Amino acid sequence: MMAGFSHTTRKHPRSRRRTRSRSGPDRATLGIIGVICAIAGFFVLGIVLGPVAVVCGWLAMGRRWNGARPLPALVALVLGAIDTVLAILWIAGTAGPGSGLL
């Protein structure tokens, strides 16, 4: 007699909510990390921390533009974009014709 094939309880959850991975960072944490990277990027390594803040903000928003946006995610996205643009302008201004490199 095979005891494992009839009238057993389900071993897999039915709802999608229970099947999500719990090991990844949640959206609130990504928003806060993005804000911290954006603020730190104004002082050091803006060319690196700016895009990191934009990506964290985008992931914290759920990778879409519509719907409810959490405030830290939106702040991280905007400050990260400003930080990246300022870093690019600073690099372009330093490598200009009067920089004394030649």
N, C-alpha and C. Protein backbone atom coordinates (compact mmCIF):
# COMPACT_ATOMS: atom_id res chain seq x y z
N MET A 1 0.84 -1.17 0.00
CA MET A 1 0.00 0.00 0.00
C MET A 1 0.89 1.24 0.00
N MET A 2 0.56 2.20 -0.85
CA MET A 2 1.34 3.42 -0.96
C MET A 2 0.66 4.51 -0.17
N ALA A 3 1.29 4.97 0.88
CA ALA A 3 0.64 5.87 1.83
C ALA A 3 0.76 7.34 1.45
N GLY A 4 1.53 7.72 0.47
CA GLY A 4 1.75 9.12 0.20
C GLY A 4 0.92 9.74 -0.89
N PHE A 5 0.00 9.01 -1.52
CA PHE A 5 -0.67 9.52 -2.70
C PHE A 5 -2.15 9.86 -2.55
N SER A 6 -2.74 9.64 -1.41
CA SER A 6 -4.17 9.95 -1.30
C SER A 6 -4.45 10.77 -0.04
N HIS A 7 -5.27 11.80 -0.21
CA HIS A 7 -5.75 12.63 0.90
C HIS A 7 -4.62 13.20 1.76
N THR A 8 -3.68 13.80 1.12
CA THR A 8 -2.59 14.44 1.87
C THR A 8 -2.85 15.93 1.97
N THR A 9 -2.21 16.56 2.87
CA THR A 9 -2.32 18.02 2.98
C THR A 9 -1.42 18.67 1.96
N ARG A 10 -1.77 19.88 1.56
CA ARG A 10 -0.96 20.60 0.58
C ARG A 10 0.37 20.99 1.19
N LYS A 11 1.41 20.78 0.45
CA LYS A 11 2.74 21.16 0.92
C LYS A 11 3.20 22.48 0.33
N HIS A 12 2.42 23.04 -0.61
CA HIS A 12 2.77 24.31 -1.23
C HIS A 12 1.66 25.32 -0.94
N PRO A 13 2.02 26.54 -0.59
CA PRO A 13 0.98 27.54 -0.30
C PRO A 13 0.24 27.95 -1.57
N ARG A 14 -1.02 28.32 -1.44
CA ARG A 14 -1.82 28.69 -2.59
C ARG A 14 -1.69 30.16 -2.95
N SER A 15 -1.53 31.03 -1.99
CA SER A 15 -1.51 32.45 -2.30
C SER A 15 -0.11 32.88 -2.74
N ARG A 16 -0.08 33.91 -3.59
CA ARG A 16 1.21 34.43 -4.06
C ARG A 16 1.95 35.16 -2.96
N ARG A 17 1.21 35.69 -2.01
CA ARG A 17 1.84 36.47 -0.95
C ARG A 17 2.81 35.63 -0.14
N ARG A 18 2.49 34.39 0.06
CA ARG A 18 3.35 33.54 0.86
C ARG A 18 4.53 32.97 0.08
N THR A 19 4.49 33.07 -1.23
CA THR A 19 5.57 32.50 -2.02
C THR A 19 6.69 33.49 -2.32
N ARG A 20 6.53 34.75 -1.94
CA ARG A 20 7.57 35.75 -2.20
C ARG A 20 8.82 35.48 -1.37
N SER A 21 9.94 35.85 -1.92
CA SER A 21 11.20 35.70 -1.20
C SER A 21 11.29 36.74 -0.08
N ARG A 22 11.65 36.31 1.07
CA ARG A 22 11.75 37.22 2.20
C ARG A 22 13.20 37.64 2.46
N SER A 23 14.11 37.19 1.63
CA SER A 23 15.52 37.50 1.88
C SER A 23 15.93 38.85 1.29
N GLY A 24 15.23 39.37 0.28
CA GLY A 24 15.60 40.63 -0.35
C GLY A 24 15.14 41.83 0.46
N PRO A 25 15.75 42.99 0.21
CA PRO A 25 15.34 44.20 0.94
C PRO A 25 13.96 44.67 0.51
N ASP A 26 13.20 45.20 1.44
CA ASP A 26 11.87 45.69 1.09
C ASP A 26 11.97 47.09 0.51
N ARG A 27 10.85 47.63 0.06
CA ARG A 27 10.85 48.90 -0.65
C ARG A 27 11.21 50.08 0.23
N ALA A 28 10.78 50.06 1.48
CA ALA A 28 11.11 51.17 2.38
C ALA A 28 12.61 51.24 2.63
N THR A 29 13.23 50.09 2.79
CA THR A 29 14.68 50.06 3.01
C THR A 29 15.43 50.56 1.79
N LEU A 30 14.99 50.15 0.60
CA LEU A 30 15.64 50.63 -0.62
C LEU A 30 15.49 52.14 -0.78
N GLY A 31 14.33 52.69 -0.40
CA GLY A 31 14.14 54.13 -0.47
C GLY A 31 15.07 54.88 0.45
N ILE A 32 15.24 54.38 1.66
CA ILE A 32 16.12 55.02 2.63
C ILE A 32 17.58 54.91 2.19
N ILE A 33 17.97 53.76 1.67
CA ILE A 33 19.34 53.59 1.17
C ILE A 33 19.58 54.55 0.01
N GLY A 34 18.59 54.71 -0.86
CA GLY A 34 18.73 55.64 -1.97
C GLY A 34 18.89 57.07 -1.53
N VAL A 35 18.13 57.49 -0.52
CA VAL A 35 18.25 58.86 0.00
C VAL A 35 19.63 59.08 0.61
N ILE A 36 20.12 58.11 1.35
CA ILE A 36 21.45 58.23 1.97
C ILE A 36 22.53 58.31 0.89
N CYS A 37 22.42 57.48 -0.14
CA CYS A 37 23.41 57.54 -1.23
C CYS A 37 23.35 58.87 -1.97
N ALA A 38 22.14 59.40 -2.16
CA ALA A 38 22.00 60.67 -2.87
C ALA A 38 22.61 61.82 -2.08
N ILE A 39 22.37 61.85 -0.78
CA ILE A 39 22.92 62.92 0.05
C ILE A 39 24.43 62.80 0.15
N ALA A 40 24.93 61.58 0.32
CA ALA A 40 26.38 61.39 0.39
C ALA A 40 27.04 61.70 -0.95
N GLY A 41 26.31 61.49 -2.04
CA GLY A 41 26.86 61.75 -3.37
C GLY A 41 27.09 63.22 -3.65
N PHE A 42 26.43 64.11 -2.92
CA PHE A 42 26.70 65.54 -3.10
C PHE A 42 28.07 65.91 -2.56
N PHE A 43 28.63 65.10 -1.68
CA PHE A 43 29.91 65.42 -1.06
C PHE A 43 31.06 64.59 -1.62
N VAL A 44 30.85 63.31 -1.84
CA VAL A 44 31.90 62.43 -2.36
C VAL A 44 31.32 61.48 -3.39
N LEU A 45 32.08 61.16 -4.42
CA LEU A 45 31.75 60.15 -5.42
C LEU A 45 30.35 60.29 -6.00
N GLY A 46 29.99 61.49 -6.40
CA GLY A 46 28.67 61.72 -6.95
C GLY A 46 28.40 60.97 -8.23
N ILE A 47 29.44 60.71 -9.01
CA ILE A 47 29.27 59.99 -10.26
C ILE A 47 28.92 58.53 -10.01
N VAL A 48 29.23 58.00 -8.85
CA VAL A 48 28.90 56.62 -8.51
C VAL A 48 27.63 56.55 -7.66
N LEU A 49 27.56 57.39 -6.63
CA LEU A 49 26.44 57.32 -5.71
C LEU A 49 25.15 57.88 -6.28
N GLY A 50 25.23 58.79 -7.24
CA GLY A 50 24.04 59.32 -7.88
C GLY A 50 23.24 58.24 -8.62
N PRO A 51 23.88 57.50 -9.53
CA PRO A 51 23.15 56.41 -10.19
C PRO A 51 22.69 55.31 -9.24
N VAL A 52 23.45 55.06 -8.18
CA VAL A 52 23.01 54.07 -7.18
C VAL A 52 21.72 54.55 -6.52
N ALA A 53 21.65 55.84 -6.21
CA ALA A 53 20.44 56.39 -5.60
C ALA A 53 19.26 56.33 -6.56
N VAL A 54 19.51 56.57 -7.85
CA VAL A 54 18.44 56.50 -8.85
C VAL A 54 17.90 55.07 -8.95
N VAL A 55 18.79 54.11 -8.98
CA VAL A 55 18.37 52.71 -9.08
C VAL A 55 17.63 52.28 -7.83
N CYS A 56 18.12 52.65 -6.65
CA CYS A 56 17.42 52.30 -5.41
C CYS A 56 16.05 52.96 -5.35
N GLY A 57 15.95 54.21 -5.77
CA GLY A 57 14.66 54.87 -5.80
C GLY A 57 13.70 54.22 -6.77
N TRP A 58 14.20 53.83 -7.94
CA TRP A 58 13.37 53.17 -8.95
C TRP A 58 12.86 51.82 -8.44
N LEU A 59 13.74 51.05 -7.79
CA LEU A 59 13.32 49.77 -7.24
C LEU A 59 12.36 49.94 -6.07
N ALA A 60 12.55 50.99 -5.28
CA ALA A 60 11.65 51.24 -4.16
C ALA A 60 10.28 51.68 -4.63
N MET A 61 10.20 52.28 -5.81
CA MET A 61 8.91 52.67 -6.37
C MET A 61 8.20 51.49 -7.01
N GLY A 62 8.81 50.35 -7.05
CA GLY A 62 8.20 49.18 -7.64
C GLY A 62 8.40 49.10 -9.13
N ARG A 63 9.41 49.78 -9.66
CA ARG A 63 9.78 49.79 -11.08
C ARG A 63 8.65 50.27 -11.98
N ARG A 64 7.84 51.20 -11.50
CA ARG A 64 6.82 51.80 -12.35
C ARG A 64 6.57 53.24 -11.92
N TRP A 65 6.07 54.02 -12.87
CA TRP A 65 5.86 55.45 -12.62
C TRP A 65 4.48 55.74 -12.07
N ASN A 66 3.50 54.90 -12.34
CA ASN A 66 2.14 55.20 -11.92
C ASN A 66 1.86 54.60 -10.54
N GLY A 67 0.75 54.99 -9.95
CA GLY A 67 0.37 54.47 -8.64
C GLY A 67 0.94 55.31 -7.51
N ALA A 68 0.79 54.81 -6.32
CA ALA A 68 1.28 55.52 -5.13
C ALA A 68 2.80 55.41 -5.05
N ARG A 69 3.43 56.54 -4.84
CA ARG A 69 4.89 56.57 -4.73
C ARG A 69 5.27 56.88 -3.29
N PRO A 70 6.07 56.04 -2.67
CA PRO A 70 6.56 56.38 -1.33
C PRO A 70 7.51 57.57 -1.41
N LEU A 71 7.44 58.44 -0.43
CA LEU A 71 8.23 59.67 -0.44
C LEU A 71 9.73 59.43 -0.47
N PRO A 72 10.31 58.52 0.34
CA PRO A 72 11.77 58.33 0.24
C PRO A 72 12.22 57.85 -1.14
N ALA A 73 11.41 57.06 -1.79
CA ALA A 73 11.78 56.58 -3.12
C ALA A 73 11.82 57.73 -4.12
N LEU A 74 10.83 58.60 -4.06
CA LEU A 74 10.79 59.74 -4.96
C LEU A 74 11.93 60.72 -4.68
N VAL A 75 12.23 60.96 -3.41
CA VAL A 75 13.34 61.84 -3.03
C VAL A 75 14.66 61.25 -3.50
N ALA A 76 14.84 59.94 -3.34
CA ALA A 76 16.08 59.30 -3.79
C ALA A 76 16.23 59.40 -5.29
N LEU A 77 15.14 59.22 -6.01
CA LEU A 77 15.19 59.30 -7.47
C LEU A 77 15.55 60.70 -7.95
N VAL A 78 14.91 61.71 -7.39
CA VAL A 78 15.16 63.09 -7.82
C VAL A 78 16.56 63.56 -7.41
N LEU A 79 16.93 63.34 -6.15
CA LEU A 79 18.26 63.78 -5.70
C LEU A 79 19.37 63.00 -6.40
N GLY A 80 19.14 61.73 -6.67
CA GLY A 80 20.15 60.94 -7.40
C GLY A 80 20.35 61.45 -8.81
N ALA A 81 19.25 61.86 -9.47
CA ALA A 81 19.37 62.41 -10.82
C ALA A 81 20.10 63.75 -10.81
N ILE A 82 19.76 64.61 -9.85
CA ILE A 82 20.46 65.90 -9.72
C ILE A 82 21.93 65.68 -9.42
N ASP A 83 22.20 64.75 -8.55
CA ASP A 83 23.58 64.44 -8.17
C ASP A 83 24.38 63.94 -9.37
N THR A 84 23.79 63.09 -10.18
CA THR A 84 24.47 62.56 -11.36
C THR A 84 24.75 63.67 -12.38
N VAL A 85 23.77 64.53 -12.61
CA VAL A 85 23.95 65.63 -13.58
C VAL A 85 25.04 66.58 -13.10
N LEU A 86 25.03 66.92 -11.81
CA LEU A 86 26.08 67.81 -11.27
C LEU A 86 27.46 67.18 -11.36
N ALA A 87 27.56 65.89 -11.12
CA ALA A 87 28.85 65.21 -11.22
C ALA A 87 29.36 65.20 -12.66
N ILE A 88 28.46 64.99 -13.61
CA ILE A 88 28.86 65.01 -15.02
C ILE A 88 29.30 66.41 -15.43
N LEU A 89 28.57 67.43 -15.00
CA LEU A 89 28.97 68.81 -15.31
C LEU A 89 30.30 69.16 -14.67
N TRP A 90 30.54 68.68 -13.47
CA TRP A 90 31.81 68.95 -12.79
C TRP A 90 32.96 68.28 -13.52
N ILE A 91 32.74 67.04 -13.96
CA ILE A 91 33.80 66.34 -14.71
C ILE A 91 34.05 67.02 -16.05
N ALA A 92 32.97 67.45 -16.72
CA ALA A 92 33.14 68.12 -18.01
C ALA A 92 33.83 69.48 -17.83
N GLY A 93 33.58 70.16 -16.74
CA GLY A 93 34.23 71.45 -16.48
C GLY A 93 35.68 71.31 -16.11
N THR A 94 36.05 70.20 -15.48
CA THR A 94 37.44 69.99 -15.09
C THR A 94 38.29 69.59 -16.27
N ALA A 95 37.70 68.91 -17.24
CA ALA A 95 38.47 68.45 -18.40
C ALA A 95 38.40 69.44 -19.56
N GLY A 96 38.02 70.68 -19.28
CA GLY A 96 37.91 71.68 -20.33
C GLY A 96 39.25 72.15 -20.85
N PRO A 97 39.24 73.09 -21.80
CA PRO A 97 40.49 73.52 -22.44
C PRO A 97 41.43 74.28 -21.51
N GLY A 98 40.96 74.90 -20.47
CA GLY A 98 41.85 75.66 -19.59
C GLY A 98 42.23 74.92 -18.32
N SER A 99 42.19 73.61 -18.33
CA SER A 99 42.44 72.86 -17.10
C SER A 99 43.92 72.64 -16.82
N GLY A 100 44.78 72.91 -17.75
CA GLY A 100 46.22 72.77 -17.51
C GLY A 100 46.73 71.36 -17.63
N LEU A 101 46.02 70.50 -18.32
CA LEU A 101 46.47 69.12 -18.47
C LEU A 101 47.54 68.98 -19.55
N LEU A 102 47.62 69.93 -20.48
CA LEU A 102 48.63 69.80 -21.55
C LEU A 102 49.75 70.75 -21.37
